[in-house]
Amino acid sequence: MKKKKIIVPLTLLLAAALYFVFFYKNKTLKFVPENADVVILIDVKRLTGQYISSFIAHPSKWTESKKKDKKTISLKDSGIKTPDFLQIFHFKGTRFSEWYSVVELKDPQKFLTYLKNHQFISKGKNVFQKDQIFVRIEDENGFIGSSASGFENISQQLHSSEKRTLNADELINNALGSVSFISGKTIQNFSIELKSDEIEIKNTSETGSLASIVEDLQKKNHFLEIELDGRNVKNYARLFDKTIADSAQISYFKATADLEQVNDTIISYGYDDNFNEIEKKTFQKIIQPNYVINLQSSSPERTWAYFQHQKWLNAQDQFTAIPFQPNQIERREGNFIIKSTRKPIVLSPKLKENYIFVRNSPMLISSLSIFSPAEKKILSDIDYIFYGNKANGYWLKIKAKKAELPLILRW
């Protein structure tokens, strides 16, 4: 009888502990700035639960931790307070490549040791950098970003008496994560789902027609396939230049491209022993795309004038906005056709759909010198990336290659 009296409260205590560890979440988002226009939210506890269940199901990972370098400090020992929701944001009006996050520090000194252990270099004023990652330690917080230019903005807003107050339920709904576009009081949410060998970001469950496009594109062997209407062209153009879409008047975009490794000749000059100038030739292998692009315009004359104003056309009728030369641009009524001339390819048939399909290629990975070996390993694991749009439905799919382990244990 006494044992039963002990077991019942212990069971309740264990259940309460499990609830707070794995299910209870503080849904108040403290680190979303007032001028953030895009917020990525990750449910850390849900991600942890998914990781644990995958880890238990794959015994081959159980002994891997023993093989790791004991001198390297792990993230769980870094002094960072594990958040219930990881908040990653982008500031309105900044470059698309600039993203930031704020983490709470339970031990700032331990976090500093973690940064030094992972070869972060001090840039002064508590700012540290490794490759494309910048970190700033301020009081009990750590600012993390792809640039250091937004750190002062974050600091000012953290110390401001007027802060944006958001609840996680406004951005995420029963998913691993979300991508939210914020415009004033309007919020458009896209769910993030991590599956065994793919990541999906979408705002619709009706992906059947878009999936059929993927099946069709996979049967071909092109590196890149794009077809976009005027609305999608404008949305993508604004990521790089807010004025280009309206100024160029592009109402349709279609492109097909392949990659090829070619020999590039480098000519330099030196002098012999008698100070006579001599020409030296060296050769290197580079990756070049072969491509064809079809642009349609609602106002061809205005589009052509815009190209000229931007100095994107030269005397040889080459479109210099595309850095891969040589190419040729020609006008066909309301169409502009841009072709690489070294090895022309044929434009794929029009599907009258909106999509971007990028197939992974070993040649592409080898040419990306800005990425570290670890980042290249992740990229090499990707099979293809697909974006599709149907009416108001959007779907982004990152498909990984089939492997023994699920993505959450690979990356």
Protein backbone atom coordinates (compact mmCIF):
# COMPACT_ATOMS: atom_id res chain seq x y z
CA MET A 1 0.00 0.00 0.00
CA LYS A 2 2.85 2.35 0.88
CA LYS A 3 4.52 1.60 -2.46
CA LYS A 4 1.35 2.63 -4.31
CA LYS A 5 1.24 5.89 -2.37
CA ILE A 6 4.82 6.62 -3.46
CA ILE A 7 4.41 5.49 -7.09
CA VAL A 8 1.40 7.71 -7.83
CA PRO A 9 3.03 11.05 -6.89
CA LEU A 10 6.30 9.99 -8.55
CA THR A 11 4.40 9.22 -11.76
CA LEU A 12 2.65 12.59 -11.61
CA LEU A 13 5.96 14.33 -10.93
CA LEU A 14 7.62 12.56 -13.86
CA ALA A 15 4.69 13.43 -16.16
CA ALA A 16 4.88 17.08 -15.10
CA ALA A 17 8.66 17.12 -15.67
CA LEU A 18 8.27 15.57 -19.15
CA TYR A 19 5.58 18.13 -20.00
CA PHE A 20 7.74 21.10 -19.07
CA VAL A 21 10.84 19.69 -20.76
CA PHE A 22 9.26 18.59 -24.04
CA PHE A 23 5.86 20.28 -24.44
CA TYR A 24 5.50 23.48 -22.40
CA LYS A 25 6.59 26.51 -24.44
CA ASN A 26 6.90 30.18 -23.69
CA LYS A 27 5.23 31.58 -26.80
CA THR A 28 6.14 35.25 -26.23
CA LEU A 29 8.58 36.31 -28.95
CA LYS A 30 10.95 38.84 -27.37
CA PHE A 31 13.46 39.22 -30.18
CA VAL A 32 11.42 40.23 -33.27
CA PRO A 33 12.33 43.87 -34.07
CA GLU A 34 9.68 46.42 -35.01
CA ASN A 35 11.13 46.86 -38.51
CA ALA A 36 11.46 43.15 -39.34
CA ASP A 37 9.68 42.24 -42.58
CA VAL A 38 10.49 38.50 -42.62
CA VAL A 39 10.65 36.20 -39.60
CA ILE A 40 11.71 32.54 -39.57
CA LEU A 41 10.50 30.73 -36.48
CA ILE A 42 11.73 27.27 -35.41
CA ASP A 43 9.94 25.27 -32.71
CA VAL A 44 13.06 24.05 -30.87
CA LYS A 45 11.25 21.58 -28.61
CA ARG A 46 9.43 20.03 -31.57
CA LEU A 47 12.73 19.80 -33.44
CA THR A 48 14.38 18.21 -30.40
CA GLY A 49 11.60 15.64 -30.14
CA GLN A 50 11.93 14.82 -33.83
CA TYR A 51 15.70 14.44 -33.43
CA ILE A 52 15.37 12.13 -30.40
CA SER A 53 12.83 9.86 -32.11
CA SER A 54 15.03 9.64 -35.23
CA PHE A 55 18.13 9.02 -33.12
CA ILE A 56 16.46 6.15 -31.24
CA ALA A 57 15.36 4.60 -34.54
CA HIS A 58 18.92 4.60 -35.98
CA PRO A 59 21.35 2.69 -33.71
CA SER A 60 24.26 3.45 -36.07
CA LYS A 61 24.31 7.00 -34.62
CA TRP A 62 24.52 5.86 -31.00
CA THR A 63 28.29 5.34 -30.94
CA GLU A 64 29.14 8.29 -33.17
CA SER A 65 29.38 10.78 -30.29
CA LYS A 66 32.27 8.76 -28.83
CA LYS A 67 34.32 9.39 -31.96
CA LYS A 68 33.96 13.18 -31.82
CA ASP A 69 36.88 15.40 -30.89
CA LYS A 70 36.69 15.85 -27.12
CA LYS A 71 38.57 19.18 -27.40
CA THR A 72 35.71 20.77 -29.33
CA ILE A 73 33.04 22.46 -27.20
CA SER A 74 29.53 21.39 -28.22
CA LEU A 75 26.62 23.78 -28.65
CA LYS A 76 24.85 22.42 -25.55
CA ASP A 77 27.92 23.44 -23.48
CA SER A 78 28.27 26.85 -25.14
CA GLY A 79 26.57 28.93 -22.47
CA ILE A 80 23.49 29.57 -24.62
CA LYS A 81 20.07 29.26 -23.01
CA THR A 82 18.07 26.90 -25.20
CA PRO A 83 15.03 28.83 -26.54
CA ASP A 84 11.57 27.39 -27.00
CA PHE A 85 11.37 29.20 -30.35
CA LEU A 86 14.40 30.27 -32.37
CA GLN A 87 13.68 33.64 -34.00
CA ILE A 88 15.56 34.56 -37.20
CA PHE A 89 14.65 37.85 -38.87
CA HIS A 90 15.38 40.22 -41.74
CA PHE A 91 15.26 44.01 -41.50
CA LYS A 92 13.08 45.91 -43.96
CA GLY A 93 15.13 47.78 -46.57
CA THR A 94 18.34 45.76 -46.09
CA ARG A 95 20.00 43.31 -48.46
CA PHE A 96 18.30 39.95 -48.88
CA SER A 97 21.47 38.21 -47.64
CA GLU A 98 21.33 39.92 -44.22
CA TRP A 99 19.69 37.76 -41.52
CA TYR A 100 19.93 37.96 -37.74
CA SER A 101 19.01 36.15 -34.55
CA VAL A 102 19.29 36.87 -30.83
CA VAL A 103 19.97 34.23 -28.18
CA GLU A 104 19.92 34.52 -24.40
CA LEU A 105 23.15 33.65 -22.60
CA LYS A 106 23.11 31.88 -19.26
CA ASP A 107 26.91 32.17 -19.13
CA PRO A 108 28.47 34.88 -21.38
CA GLN A 109 32.01 33.86 -20.44
CA LYS A 110 31.36 30.26 -21.45
CA PHE A 111 29.90 31.51 -24.76
CA LEU A 112 33.07 33.56 -25.35
CA THR A 113 35.15 30.43 -24.76
CA TYR A 114 32.92 28.55 -27.22
CA LEU A 115 33.57 31.19 -29.92
CA LYS A 116 37.33 31.05 -29.41
CA ASN A 117 37.21 27.23 -29.46
CA HIS A 118 35.52 27.41 -32.88
CA GLN A 119 38.10 29.86 -34.30
CA PHE A 120 35.98 33.01 -34.25
CA ILE A 121 38.23 36.06 -34.64
CA SER A 122 37.73 39.17 -32.53
CA LYS A 123 36.86 42.27 -34.55
CA GLY A 124 36.75 44.54 -31.49
CA LYS A 125 33.80 45.89 -29.44
CA ASN A 126 32.71 42.34 -28.50
CA VAL A 127 32.17 41.43 -32.16
CA PHE A 128 33.57 38.15 -33.53
CA GLN A 129 33.65 36.66 -37.02
CA LYS A 130 34.16 33.29 -38.65
CA ASP A 131 33.66 33.05 -42.42
CA GLN A 132 30.23 34.63 -43.11
CA ILE A 133 28.98 34.51 -39.50
CA PHE A 134 29.21 37.50 -37.15
CA VAL A 135 28.53 37.42 -33.40
CA ARG A 136 28.25 40.20 -30.83
CA ILE A 137 28.05 39.67 -27.08
CA GLU A 138 26.04 42.31 -25.23
CA ASP A 139 25.16 41.80 -21.58
CA GLU A 140 23.16 38.55 -21.34
CA ASN A 141 22.46 38.31 -25.08
CA GLY A 142 24.29 37.10 -28.16
CA PHE A 143 23.55 38.70 -31.54
CA ILE A 144 24.20 36.39 -34.51
CA GLY A 145 24.05 37.52 -38.13
CA SER A 146 25.31 37.13 -41.68
CA SER A 147 26.51 40.74 -41.31
CA ALA A 148 27.46 42.96 -38.38
CA SER A 149 25.74 46.05 -39.81
CA GLY A 150 22.41 45.32 -38.07
CA PHE A 151 23.77 44.77 -34.56
CA GLU A 152 23.37 48.39 -33.48
CA ASN A 153 19.75 48.36 -34.68
CA ILE A 154 19.10 45.22 -32.61
CA SER A 155 20.76 46.75 -29.53
CA GLN A 156 18.67 49.93 -29.73
CA GLN A 157 15.42 48.00 -30.02
CA LEU A 158 16.27 45.63 -27.16
CA HIS A 159 16.79 48.63 -24.87
CA SER A 160 13.74 50.50 -26.15
CA SER A 161 10.68 50.83 -23.92
CA GLU A 162 8.43 50.28 -26.97
CA LYS A 163 8.86 46.80 -28.40
CA ARG A 164 6.90 44.69 -30.86
CA THR A 165 4.96 41.99 -29.01
CA LEU A 166 4.23 38.84 -30.99
CA ASN A 167 2.98 35.46 -29.96
CA ALA A 168 4.30 32.29 -31.61
CA ASP A 169 0.73 31.25 -32.47
CA GLU A 170 0.49 34.27 -34.79
CA LEU A 171 3.29 32.84 -36.95
CA ILE A 172 3.36 29.08 -36.50
CA ASN A 173 0.54 26.53 -36.47
CA ASN A 174 1.31 22.91 -35.58
CA ALA A 175 4.47 22.80 -37.69
CA LEU A 176 8.19 22.49 -37.08
CA GLY A 177 8.70 26.07 -38.19
CA SER A 178 7.38 28.94 -40.24
CA VAL A 179 8.44 31.72 -42.58
CA SER A 180 6.33 34.84 -42.06
CA PHE A 181 6.19 37.94 -44.25
CA ILE A 182 5.12 40.99 -42.26
CA SER A 183 3.68 44.15 -43.81
CA GLY A 184 2.17 46.46 -41.22
CA LYS A 185 -0.49 44.43 -39.40
CA THR A 186 -0.70 41.86 -42.21
CA ILE A 187 1.19 38.60 -41.69
CA GLN A 188 1.47 35.89 -44.34
CA ASN A 189 2.66 32.55 -42.94
CA PHE A 190 4.34 29.59 -44.62
CA SER A 191 4.87 26.34 -42.72
CA ILE A 192 8.22 24.54 -42.56
CA GLU A 193 8.23 20.75 -42.44
CA LEU A 194 11.33 18.55 -42.13
CA LYS A 195 10.79 15.06 -43.51
CA SER A 196 13.10 12.07 -43.91
CA ASP A 197 14.79 13.34 -47.08
CA GLU A 198 13.16 16.69 -47.88
CA ILE A 199 12.27 20.10 -46.49
CA GLU A 200 8.99 21.76 -47.49
CA ILE A 201 8.01 25.41 -47.08
CA LYS A 202 4.45 26.11 -48.18
CA ASN A 203 1.16 27.90 -47.51
CA THR A 204 -1.05 25.29 -49.14
CA SER A 205 -1.78 21.59 -48.82
CA GLU A 206 -2.84 21.40 -52.48
CA THR A 207 0.52 20.58 -54.09
CA GLY A 208 -0.63 17.83 -56.46
CA SER A 209 -0.45 19.88 -59.66
CA LEU A 210 2.91 21.36 -58.65
CA ALA A 211 4.24 17.87 -57.84
CA SER A 212 3.38 16.78 -61.39
CA ILE A 213 5.61 19.60 -62.70
CA VAL A 214 8.49 18.22 -60.61
CA GLU A 215 7.95 14.75 -62.07
CA ASP A 216 8.05 16.19 -65.59
CA LEU A 217 11.21 18.24 -64.93
CA GLN A 218 13.02 15.30 -63.36
CA LYS A 219 12.69 13.37 -66.63
CA LYS A 220 14.82 16.02 -68.31
CA ASN A 221 18.48 16.53 -67.56
CA HIS A 222 18.90 20.29 -67.46
CA PHE A 223 20.67 21.98 -64.57
CA LEU A 224 18.21 24.88 -64.44
CA GLU A 225 14.60 25.34 -65.61
CA ILE A 226 12.61 28.52 -64.93
CA GLU A 227 9.22 29.78 -66.07
CA LEU A 228 7.62 32.79 -64.34
CA ASP A 229 4.75 35.15 -65.11
CA GLY A 230 4.88 38.91 -64.54
CA ARG A 231 3.80 38.73 -60.88
CA ASN A 232 6.48 36.19 -59.98
CA VAL A 233 9.12 38.10 -61.96
CA LYS A 234 8.28 41.21 -59.96
CA ASN A 235 8.42 39.35 -56.63
CA TYR A 236 11.84 37.89 -57.36
CA ALA A 237 13.28 41.03 -58.92
CA ARG A 238 12.45 42.98 -55.77
CA LEU A 239 14.76 40.74 -53.76
CA PHE A 240 17.69 42.26 -55.64
CA ASP A 241 16.48 45.62 -56.96
CA LYS A 242 13.11 47.13 -56.07
CA THR A 243 12.97 49.29 -59.21
CA ILE A 244 14.04 46.82 -61.88
CA ALA A 245 10.70 44.98 -62.20
CA ASP A 246 8.68 48.13 -62.84
CA SER A 247 11.33 49.77 -65.01
CA ALA A 248 12.06 46.78 -67.25
CA GLN A 249 8.35 45.90 -67.78
CA ILE A 250 9.09 42.14 -67.97
CA SER A 251 5.80 40.21 -68.18
CA TYR A 252 7.24 36.70 -68.70
CA PHE A 253 10.55 34.96 -68.05
CA LYS A 254 11.71 31.53 -69.20
CA ALA A 255 15.19 30.03 -69.05
CA THR A 256 16.99 26.74 -69.57
CA ALA A 257 20.64 26.20 -68.60
CA ASP A 258 23.27 23.47 -68.39
CA LEU A 259 26.73 23.45 -66.83
CA GLU A 260 29.97 22.51 -68.58
CA GLN A 261 33.61 22.38 -67.55
CA VAL A 262 35.83 24.21 -70.03
CA ASN A 263 39.49 25.16 -70.36
CA ASP A 264 40.11 28.86 -69.81
CA THR A 265 43.24 30.47 -71.25
CA ILE A 266 45.02 33.08 -69.17
CA ILE A 267 47.50 35.27 -71.06
CA SER A 268 50.21 37.15 -69.16
CA TYR A 269 53.42 38.87 -70.20
CA GLY A 270 56.96 38.70 -68.86
CA TYR A 271 60.53 39.29 -70.02
CA ASP A 272 63.37 37.00 -71.04
CA ASP A 273 67.00 37.40 -70.00
CA ASN A 274 67.48 40.02 -72.73
CA PHE A 275 64.43 42.00 -71.53
CA ASN A 276 62.37 41.02 -74.57
CA GLU A 277 58.65 40.84 -73.85
CA ILE A 278 57.29 37.31 -74.07
CA GLU A 279 53.72 36.03 -73.92
CA LYS A 280 52.87 33.34 -71.38
CA LYS A 281 49.81 31.13 -71.60
CA THR A 282 48.39 29.15 -68.72
CA PHE A 283 45.24 27.05 -68.61
CA GLN A 284 42.67 26.43 -65.91
CA LYS A 285 39.42 24.51 -65.80
CA ILE A 286 36.35 26.62 -65.03
CA ILE A 287 32.61 25.95 -64.89
CA GLN A 288 30.52 27.82 -67.47
CA PRO A 289 26.77 27.71 -68.10
CA ASN A 290 25.24 27.22 -71.51
CA TYR A 291 21.85 28.92 -71.50
CA VAL A 292 18.94 30.39 -73.38
CA ILE A 293 16.56 32.99 -71.91
CA ASN A 294 13.27 34.29 -73.24
CA LEU A 295 12.00 37.63 -71.88
CA GLN A 296 8.61 39.02 -72.85
CA SER A 297 7.70 42.65 -72.27
CA SER A 298 4.43 44.55 -72.12
CA SER A 299 6.35 47.53 -73.53
CA PRO A 300 9.29 46.30 -75.67
CA GLU A 301 10.57 49.77 -76.58
CA ARG A 302 10.62 50.82 -72.95
CA THR A 303 12.39 47.59 -71.98
CA TRP A 304 15.06 48.06 -74.65
CA ALA A 305 15.57 51.67 -73.57
CA TYR A 306 15.97 50.51 -69.96
CA PHE A 307 18.63 47.96 -71.00
CA GLN A 308 20.50 50.72 -72.84
CA HIS A 309 20.20 53.13 -69.92
CA GLN A 310 21.66 50.47 -67.58
CA LYS A 311 24.49 49.91 -70.11
CA TRP A 312 23.57 46.23 -70.37
CA LEU A 313 23.98 46.23 -74.16
CA ASN A 314 27.27 46.62 -76.01
CA ALA A 315 28.16 47.17 -79.66
CA GLN A 316 28.30 43.42 -80.29
CA ASP A 317 24.66 42.96 -79.14
CA GLN A 318 25.80 41.16 -76.02
CA PHE A 319 23.71 41.32 -72.84
CA THR A 320 26.40 42.29 -70.32
CA ALA A 321 24.12 42.07 -67.24
CA ILE A 322 24.79 38.32 -67.45
CA PRO A 323 28.47 37.95 -66.54
CA PHE A 324 28.97 34.72 -68.47
CA GLN A 325 30.23 35.75 -71.88
CA PRO A 326 29.92 35.53 -74.79
CA ASN A 327 26.19 35.73 -75.43
CA GLN A 328 23.86 37.31 -77.95
CA ILE A 329 20.60 39.20 -77.50
CA GLU A 330 18.04 39.58 -80.27
CA ARG A 331 14.59 41.17 -80.47
CA ARG A 332 11.61 39.20 -81.79
CA GLU A 333 8.50 41.37 -81.65
CA GLY A 334 7.67 41.49 -77.91
CA ASN A 335 10.33 38.92 -77.03
CA PHE A 336 14.01 39.22 -76.17
CA ILE A 337 16.09 36.07 -76.66
CA ILE A 338 19.47 35.84 -74.90
CA LYS A 339 21.67 32.91 -75.85
CA SER A 340 25.15 31.78 -74.87
CA THR A 341 27.03 31.45 -78.18
CA ARG A 342 29.81 29.06 -77.22
CA LYS A 343 27.47 26.08 -77.06
CA PRO A 344 23.82 27.00 -77.80
CA ILE A 345 21.02 24.96 -76.26
CA VAL A 346 17.30 24.77 -77.01
CA LEU A 347 14.70 26.42 -74.77
CA SER A 348 12.43 23.86 -73.08
CA PRO A 349 8.73 23.82 -74.10
CA LYS A 350 6.44 26.29 -72.36
CA LEU A 351 4.38 24.69 -69.57
CA LYS A 352 2.37 27.83 -68.73
CA GLU A 353 3.23 27.34 -65.07
CA ASN A 354 5.28 29.21 -62.47
CA TYR A 355 8.32 27.30 -61.25
CA ILE A 356 12.05 27.31 -60.63
CA PHE A 357 13.88 23.98 -60.74
CA VAL A 358 17.59 23.68 -59.87
CA ARG A 359 19.24 20.28 -60.13
CA ASN A 360 22.36 19.67 -58.05
CA SER A 361 25.63 19.16 -59.90
CA PRO A 362 29.12 18.14 -58.70
CA MET A 363 30.49 20.85 -61.01
CA LEU A 364 28.45 23.48 -59.18
CA ILE A 365 29.65 22.35 -55.73
CA SER A 366 33.31 22.35 -56.79
CA SER A 367 33.05 25.92 -58.08
CA LEU A 368 31.59 27.38 -54.84
CA SER A 369 34.84 28.48 -53.22
CA ILE A 370 33.15 30.74 -50.61
CA PHE A 371 31.71 27.73 -48.74
CA SER A 372 33.53 25.69 -46.11
CA PRO A 373 34.02 21.90 -46.54
CA ALA A 374 31.19 21.26 -44.04
CA GLU A 375 28.83 23.55 -45.97
CA LYS A 376 29.82 21.93 -49.27
CA LYS A 377 29.05 18.53 -47.75
CA ILE A 378 25.51 19.70 -46.92
CA LEU A 379 25.04 21.18 -50.41
CA SER A 380 26.31 18.01 -52.09
CA ASP A 381 23.61 16.07 -50.25
CA ILE A 382 20.84 18.00 -52.05
CA ASP A 383 19.25 16.42 -55.11
CA TYR A 384 17.21 19.39 -56.34
CA ILE A 385 15.38 22.56 -55.26
CA PHE A 386 11.91 23.35 -56.60
CA TYR A 387 9.75 26.45 -56.25
CA GLY A 388 6.20 26.42 -57.55
CA ASN A 389 3.29 28.85 -57.52
CA LYS A 390 -0.35 28.14 -58.38
CA ALA A 391 -2.82 31.01 -57.81
CA ASN A 392 -2.22 31.98 -54.16
CA GLY A 393 -0.49 28.73 -53.27
CA TYR A 394 3.31 28.61 -52.91
CA TRP A 395 5.54 25.59 -52.41
CA LEU A 396 9.30 25.35 -51.93
CA LYS A 397 10.78 21.87 -51.82
CA ILE A 398 14.41 21.02 -51.04
CA LYS A 399 14.89 17.39 -51.93
CA ALA A 400 17.89 15.49 -50.56
CA LYS A 401 19.44 12.36 -51.98
CA LYS A 402 18.29 9.03 -50.59
CA ALA A 403 20.48 7.81 -47.74
CA GLU A 404 20.46 5.49 -44.76
CA LEU A 405 19.98 8.34 -42.29
CA PRO A 406 17.20 10.97 -42.33
CA LEU A 407 18.14 14.60 -42.87
CA ILE A 408 17.89 15.53 -39.20
CA LEU A 409 20.70 13.08 -38.39
CA ARG A 410 22.78 13.94 -41.46
CA TRP A 411 22.93 17.72 -41.06
